Amino acid sequence: MTNIQAINKIEEIINRGNHFTDYDFGGINDFTGEKCPRPEKIEWLVETFKGLMNKLKIELMKDPKDPELNSFVLDELKQLDSRLFLKSEFELLILKYGEILMFGLGNKTAYDYLGKNKNSLIYIT
């Protein structure tokens, strides 16, 4: 996928209205009935996600090389305060953010960040 295709895909994702539903948290997928843990925070999660995606779109317009994109993504993720999230919310946010990067651009920086910091991040309990 080219950067232009990724930008178009980001636009498509941002304009979709079904972010952070029970389906995303697994309740429908695995038939556990699990629900979104804090429905009152869905709008905040969506806005956080859209903000990350819009910044990524702007960065991709600059046609960054891999090291520049990696650095950008890491900086964006380090700015997120995991203490404001439940673990499931934070992980889902990072996984959704990383989809375009990984599957569209072959960049796994977001997934690596989550994997490397999984045990050191602090969440709401």
N, C-alpha and C. Protein backbone atom coordinates (compact mmCIF):
# COMPACT_ATOMS: atom_id res chain seq x y z
N MET A 1 0.85 -1.17 0.00
CA MET A 1 0.00 0.00 0.00
C MET A 1 0.90 1.24 0.00
N THR A 2 0.58 2.18 -0.84
CA THR A 2 1.33 3.43 -0.86
C THR A 2 0.82 4.35 0.25
N ASN A 3 1.57 5.41 0.49
CA ASN A 3 1.13 6.38 1.49
C ASN A 3 -0.21 7.00 1.11
N ILE A 4 -0.42 7.26 -0.15
CA ILE A 4 -1.69 7.83 -0.61
C ILE A 4 -2.84 6.86 -0.34
N GLN A 5 -2.62 5.59 -0.61
CA GLN A 5 -3.65 4.59 -0.33
C GLN A 5 -3.90 4.49 1.18
N ALA A 6 -2.84 4.58 1.97
CA ALA A 6 -2.99 4.54 3.43
C ALA A 6 -3.77 5.76 3.92
N ILE A 7 -3.49 6.91 3.35
CA ILE A 7 -4.21 8.13 3.72
C ILE A 7 -5.69 7.98 3.41
N ASN A 8 -6.00 7.44 2.23
CA ASN A 8 -7.40 7.21 1.86
C ASN A 8 -8.07 6.22 2.80
N LYS A 9 -7.34 5.20 3.19
CA LYS A 9 -7.88 4.20 4.12
C LYS A 9 -8.11 4.82 5.50
N ILE A 10 -7.21 5.67 5.92
CA ILE A 10 -7.38 6.37 7.19
C ILE A 10 -8.65 7.21 7.17
N GLU A 11 -8.85 7.93 6.08
CA GLU A 11 -10.08 8.74 5.93
C GLU A 11 -11.32 7.86 6.05
N GLU A 12 -11.29 6.73 5.39
CA GLU A 12 -12.40 5.79 5.44
C GLU A 12 -12.65 5.31 6.87
N ILE A 13 -11.59 4.97 7.56
CA ILE A 13 -11.70 4.48 8.95
C ILE A 13 -12.24 5.57 9.86
N ILE A 14 -11.72 6.78 9.72
CA ILE A 14 -12.16 7.90 10.57
C ILE A 14 -13.64 8.17 10.36
N ASN A 15 -14.09 8.08 9.13
CA ASN A 15 -15.48 8.41 8.82
C ASN A 15 -16.47 7.31 9.20
N ARG A 16 -15.96 6.12 9.49
CA ARG A 16 -16.84 5.05 9.98
C ARG A 16 -17.32 5.42 11.37
N GLY A 17 -18.54 5.10 11.70
CA GLY A 17 -19.08 5.51 12.98
C GLY A 17 -19.12 4.42 14.03
N ASN A 18 -18.50 3.29 13.78
CA ASN A 18 -18.63 2.17 14.72
C ASN A 18 -17.32 1.85 15.44
N HIS A 19 -16.75 2.85 16.06
CA HIS A 19 -15.50 2.66 16.79
C HIS A 19 -15.78 2.27 18.24
N PHE A 20 -15.02 1.32 18.75
CA PHE A 20 -15.05 0.94 20.17
C PHE A 20 -16.43 0.47 20.62
N THR A 21 -16.94 -0.47 19.89
CA THR A 21 -18.23 -1.07 20.24
C THR A 21 -17.98 -2.35 21.05
N ASP A 22 -19.06 -2.96 21.53
CA ASP A 22 -18.94 -4.24 22.23
C ASP A 22 -18.21 -5.25 21.35
N TYR A 23 -18.47 -5.19 20.05
CA TYR A 23 -17.83 -6.09 19.09
C TYR A 23 -16.31 -5.96 19.17
N ASP A 24 -15.83 -4.72 19.25
CA ASP A 24 -14.38 -4.48 19.33
C ASP A 24 -13.76 -5.07 20.59
N PHE A 25 -14.51 -5.08 21.67
CA PHE A 25 -13.98 -5.60 22.93
C PHE A 25 -14.12 -7.11 23.04
N GLY A 26 -14.67 -7.74 22.02
CA GLY A 26 -14.67 -9.20 21.95
C GLY A 26 -15.96 -9.88 22.31
N GLY A 27 -16.92 -9.19 22.87
CA GLY A 27 -18.13 -9.84 23.35
C GLY A 27 -18.92 -10.56 22.28
N ILE A 28 -18.93 -10.02 21.10
CA ILE A 28 -19.67 -10.66 20.01
C ILE A 28 -18.79 -11.69 19.32
N ASN A 29 -17.49 -11.38 19.20
CA ASN A 29 -16.57 -12.30 18.52
C ASN A 29 -16.47 -13.65 19.20
N ASP A 30 -16.27 -13.65 20.50
CA ASP A 30 -16.00 -14.91 21.19
C ASP A 30 -17.20 -15.41 21.98
N PHE A 31 -18.33 -14.76 21.81
CA PHE A 31 -19.59 -15.18 22.44
C PHE A 31 -19.52 -15.17 23.97
N THR A 32 -18.64 -14.35 24.55
CA THR A 32 -18.56 -14.24 26.01
C THR A 32 -19.60 -13.27 26.53
N GLY A 33 -20.10 -12.44 25.65
CA GLY A 33 -21.05 -11.42 26.08
C GLY A 33 -20.36 -10.21 26.70
N GLU A 34 -19.02 -10.17 26.61
CA GLU A 34 -18.27 -9.06 27.18
C GLU A 34 -18.70 -7.75 26.53
N LYS A 35 -18.88 -6.74 27.34
CA LYS A 35 -19.32 -5.44 26.86
C LYS A 35 -18.18 -4.43 26.97
N CYS A 36 -18.36 -3.33 26.30
CA CYS A 36 -17.42 -2.22 26.44
C CYS A 36 -17.35 -1.87 27.92
N PRO A 37 -16.16 -1.86 28.52
CA PRO A 37 -16.07 -1.71 29.97
C PRO A 37 -16.55 -0.37 30.52
N ARG A 38 -16.38 0.70 29.75
CA ARG A 38 -16.82 2.02 30.19
C ARG A 38 -17.53 2.72 29.04
N PRO A 39 -18.79 2.40 28.83
CA PRO A 39 -19.52 2.99 27.70
C PRO A 39 -19.50 4.52 27.71
N GLU A 40 -19.41 5.10 28.89
CA GLU A 40 -19.39 6.56 28.99
C GLU A 40 -18.09 7.16 28.43
N LYS A 41 -17.09 6.33 28.20
CA LYS A 41 -15.81 6.80 27.68
C LYS A 41 -15.64 6.55 26.18
N ILE A 42 -16.64 6.00 25.54
CA ILE A 42 -16.51 5.68 24.12
C ILE A 42 -16.21 6.92 23.29
N GLU A 43 -16.92 8.00 23.54
CA GLU A 43 -16.69 9.22 22.77
C GLU A 43 -15.24 9.71 22.93
N TRP A 44 -14.73 9.64 24.15
CA TRP A 44 -13.35 10.04 24.43
C TRP A 44 -12.37 9.12 23.69
N LEU A 45 -12.62 7.81 23.71
CA LEU A 45 -11.77 6.87 22.98
C LEU A 45 -11.79 7.17 21.49
N VAL A 46 -12.97 7.43 20.96
CA VAL A 46 -13.10 7.73 19.53
C VAL A 46 -12.32 8.99 19.19
N GLU A 47 -12.46 10.02 20.00
CA GLU A 47 -11.74 11.27 19.72
C GLU A 47 -10.23 11.08 19.82
N THR A 48 -9.79 10.30 20.79
CA THR A 48 -8.36 10.00 20.92
C THR A 48 -7.87 9.26 19.68
N PHE A 49 -8.62 8.26 19.26
CA PHE A 49 -8.28 7.48 18.08
C PHE A 49 -8.24 8.36 16.83
N LYS A 50 -9.27 9.17 16.65
CA LYS A 50 -9.32 10.04 15.48
C LYS A 50 -8.16 11.03 15.48
N GLY A 51 -7.80 11.52 16.65
CA GLY A 51 -6.65 12.43 16.75
C GLY A 51 -5.36 11.75 16.31
N LEU A 52 -5.15 10.53 16.80
CA LEU A 52 -3.96 9.77 16.39
C LEU A 52 -3.96 9.53 14.88
N MET A 53 -5.10 9.14 14.36
CA MET A 53 -5.17 8.83 12.93
C MET A 53 -4.99 10.08 12.07
N ASN A 54 -5.54 11.20 12.48
CA ASN A 54 -5.35 12.44 11.72
C ASN A 54 -3.89 12.88 11.72
N LYS A 55 -3.21 12.74 12.85
CA LYS A 55 -1.79 13.08 12.90
C LYS A 55 -0.97 12.13 12.02
N LEU A 56 -1.36 10.85 12.01
CA LEU A 56 -0.67 9.88 11.15
C LEU A 56 -0.89 10.23 9.68
N LYS A 57 -2.09 10.63 9.34
CA LYS A 57 -2.39 11.02 7.96
C LYS A 57 -1.52 12.20 7.54
N ILE A 58 -1.40 13.19 8.41
CA ILE A 58 -0.57 14.37 8.10
C ILE A 58 0.89 13.96 7.94
N GLU A 59 1.36 13.06 8.80
CA GLU A 59 2.74 12.58 8.70
C GLU A 59 2.96 11.83 7.38
N LEU A 60 2.01 11.01 7.00
CA LEU A 60 2.15 10.25 5.75
C LEU A 60 2.16 11.15 4.53
N MET A 61 1.52 12.30 4.62
CA MET A 61 1.53 13.26 3.50
C MET A 61 2.93 13.80 3.25
N LYS A 62 3.79 13.74 4.28
CA LYS A 62 5.17 14.21 4.16
C LYS A 62 6.06 13.15 3.52
N ASP A 63 5.51 11.97 3.24
CA ASP A 63 6.23 10.85 2.64
C ASP A 63 7.50 10.49 3.44
N PRO A 64 7.30 10.15 4.74
CA PRO A 64 8.47 9.85 5.58
C PRO A 64 9.11 8.52 5.22
N LYS A 65 10.40 8.43 5.47
CA LYS A 65 11.12 7.17 5.34
C LYS A 65 10.81 6.34 6.58
N ASP A 66 11.14 5.07 6.54
CA ASP A 66 10.82 4.17 7.66
C ASP A 66 11.30 4.67 9.02
N PRO A 67 12.57 5.09 9.16
CA PRO A 67 13.01 5.55 10.48
C PRO A 67 12.23 6.77 10.98
N GLU A 68 11.88 7.67 10.06
CA GLU A 68 11.10 8.86 10.44
C GLU A 68 9.70 8.46 10.89
N LEU A 69 9.09 7.54 10.18
CA LEU A 69 7.75 7.08 10.54
C LEU A 69 7.78 6.35 11.88
N ASN A 70 8.79 5.51 12.07
CA ASN A 70 8.93 4.80 13.35
C ASN A 70 9.05 5.79 14.51
N SER A 71 9.88 6.79 14.33
CA SER A 71 10.09 7.80 15.36
C SER A 71 8.80 8.57 15.64
N PHE A 72 8.09 8.92 14.60
CA PHE A 72 6.82 9.64 14.74
C PHE A 72 5.82 8.80 15.55
N VAL A 73 5.66 7.56 15.16
CA VAL A 73 4.69 6.68 15.83
C VAL A 73 5.06 6.50 17.30
N LEU A 74 6.32 6.26 17.58
CA LEU A 74 6.76 6.11 18.98
C LEU A 74 6.49 7.37 19.79
N ASP A 75 6.78 8.52 19.21
CA ASP A 75 6.52 9.78 19.91
C ASP A 75 5.04 9.95 20.21
N GLU A 76 4.20 9.62 19.25
CA GLU A 76 2.75 9.73 19.45
C GLU A 76 2.27 8.79 20.57
N LEU A 77 2.77 7.58 20.57
CA LEU A 77 2.33 6.60 21.56
C LEU A 77 2.85 6.95 22.96
N LYS A 78 4.05 7.49 23.03
CA LYS A 78 4.61 7.87 24.32
C LYS A 78 3.85 9.04 24.94
N GLN A 79 3.19 9.82 24.12
CA GLN A 79 2.41 10.94 24.63
C GLN A 79 1.09 10.50 25.25
N LEU A 80 0.64 9.29 24.93
CA LEU A 80 -0.58 8.78 25.54
C LEU A 80 -0.32 8.41 27.00
N ASP A 81 -1.19 8.81 27.88
CA ASP A 81 -1.06 8.49 29.29
C ASP A 81 -1.90 7.26 29.60
N SER A 82 -1.24 6.12 29.71
CA SER A 82 -1.96 4.86 29.93
C SER A 82 -2.75 4.87 31.23
N ARG A 83 -2.38 5.74 32.17
CA ARG A 83 -3.07 5.80 33.46
C ARG A 83 -4.50 6.30 33.34
N LEU A 84 -4.86 6.84 32.17
CA LEU A 84 -6.23 7.31 31.94
C LEU A 84 -7.13 6.21 31.36
N PHE A 85 -6.54 5.07 31.04
CA PHE A 85 -7.24 3.99 30.35
C PHE A 85 -7.33 2.74 31.20
N LEU A 86 -8.37 1.95 30.95
CA LEU A 86 -8.36 0.57 31.39
C LEU A 86 -7.41 -0.17 30.45
N LYS A 87 -6.86 -1.26 30.90
CA LYS A 87 -5.91 -2.02 30.07
C LYS A 87 -6.54 -2.40 28.72
N SER A 88 -7.77 -2.89 28.75
CA SER A 88 -8.42 -3.31 27.49
C SER A 88 -8.64 -2.14 26.55
N GLU A 89 -8.94 -0.96 27.09
CA GLU A 89 -9.14 0.23 26.25
C GLU A 89 -7.83 0.65 25.59
N PHE A 90 -6.76 0.70 26.38
CA PHE A 90 -5.47 1.14 25.86
C PHE A 90 -4.96 0.18 24.79
N GLU A 91 -5.04 -1.10 25.08
CA GLU A 91 -4.56 -2.09 24.12
C GLU A 91 -5.37 -2.04 22.83
N LEU A 92 -6.67 -1.90 22.94
CA LEU A 92 -7.50 -1.83 21.75
C LEU A 92 -7.18 -0.57 20.94
N LEU A 93 -6.98 0.55 21.61
CA LEU A 93 -6.61 1.79 20.93
C LEU A 93 -5.32 1.61 20.13
N ILE A 94 -4.32 1.02 20.76
CA ILE A 94 -3.03 0.82 20.08
C ILE A 94 -3.18 -0.17 18.92
N LEU A 95 -3.93 -1.24 19.14
CA LEU A 95 -4.11 -2.23 18.08
C LEU A 95 -4.86 -1.64 16.89
N LYS A 96 -5.89 -0.84 17.15
CA LYS A 96 -6.63 -0.20 16.05
C LYS A 96 -5.73 0.79 15.31
N TYR A 97 -4.95 1.55 16.06
CA TYR A 97 -4.03 2.52 15.47
C TYR A 97 -2.98 1.81 14.61
N GLY A 98 -2.51 0.68 15.07
CA GLY A 98 -1.47 -0.05 14.37
C GLY A 98 -1.90 -0.81 13.14
N GLU A 99 -3.22 -0.96 12.94
CA GLU A 99 -3.70 -1.76 11.80
C GLU A 99 -3.22 -1.22 10.46
N ILE A 100 -3.43 0.05 10.21
CA ILE A 100 -3.00 0.64 8.93
C ILE A 100 -1.48 0.56 8.81
N LEU A 101 -0.80 0.86 9.90
CA LEU A 101 0.66 0.81 9.86
C LEU A 101 1.15 -0.58 9.51
N MET A 102 0.62 -1.59 10.19
CA MET A 102 1.10 -2.96 10.01
C MET A 102 0.64 -3.56 8.70
N PHE A 103 -0.66 -3.58 8.50
CA PHE A 103 -1.21 -4.31 7.36
C PHE A 103 -1.19 -3.50 6.07
N GLY A 104 -1.09 -2.19 6.18
CA GLY A 104 -1.03 -1.36 4.98
C GLY A 104 0.38 -0.98 4.59
N LEU A 105 1.20 -0.70 5.59
CA LEU A 105 2.54 -0.18 5.30
C LEU A 105 3.67 -1.11 5.77
N GLY A 106 3.31 -2.22 6.39
CA GLY A 106 4.33 -3.16 6.86
C GLY A 106 5.14 -2.63 8.03
N ASN A 107 4.58 -1.69 8.76
CA ASN A 107 5.27 -1.07 9.89
C ASN A 107 4.64 -1.55 11.19
N LYS A 108 5.39 -2.25 12.01
CA LYS A 108 4.82 -2.82 13.23
C LYS A 108 5.25 -2.07 14.50
N THR A 109 5.61 -0.82 14.35
CA THR A 109 6.07 -0.02 15.48
C THR A 109 5.04 0.05 16.61
N ALA A 110 3.77 0.26 16.29
CA ALA A 110 2.74 0.35 17.33
C ALA A 110 2.60 -0.98 18.06
N TYR A 111 2.61 -2.07 17.32
CA TYR A 111 2.49 -3.39 17.95
C TYR A 111 3.72 -3.71 18.80
N ASP A 112 4.89 -3.33 18.30
CA ASP A 112 6.12 -3.53 19.07
C ASP A 112 6.09 -2.73 20.36
N TYR A 113 5.61 -1.49 20.26
CA TYR A 113 5.51 -0.63 21.45
C TYR A 113 4.65 -1.30 22.51
N LEU A 114 3.51 -1.79 22.09
CA LEU A 114 2.60 -2.44 23.03
C LEU A 114 3.25 -3.69 23.62
N GLY A 115 3.88 -4.48 22.79
CA GLY A 115 4.53 -5.70 23.26
C GLY A 115 5.66 -5.44 24.24
N LYS A 116 6.49 -4.45 23.93
CA LYS A 116 7.64 -4.15 24.77
C LYS A 116 7.26 -3.49 26.10
N ASN A 117 6.15 -2.76 26.09
CA ASN A 117 5.76 -2.00 27.27
C ASN A 117 4.55 -2.57 28.01
N LYS A 118 4.08 -3.71 27.56
CA LYS A 118 2.85 -4.30 28.10
C LYS A 118 2.87 -4.42 29.62
N ASN A 119 3.99 -4.82 30.18
CA ASN A 119 4.07 -5.05 31.62
C ASN A 119 4.49 -3.81 32.40
N SER A 120 4.94 -2.77 31.73
CA SER A 120 5.40 -1.59 32.45
C SER A 120 4.39 -0.44 32.43
N LEU A 121 3.38 -0.54 31.58
CA LEU A 121 2.35 0.50 31.52
C LEU A 121 1.44 0.40 32.74
N ILE A 122 0.99 1.54 33.21
CA ILE A 122 0.09 1.58 34.37
C ILE A 122 -1.29 1.98 33.87
N TYR A 123 -2.30 1.26 34.33
CA TYR A 123 -3.67 1.48 33.91
C TYR A 123 -4.57 1.77 35.10
N ILE A 124 -5.77 2.24 34.79
CA ILE A 124 -6.82 2.35 35.81
C ILE A 124 -7.20 0.93 36.22
N THR A 125 -7.41 0.75 37.49
CA THR A 125 -7.83 -0.60 37.94
C THR A 125 -9.28 -0.61 38.36
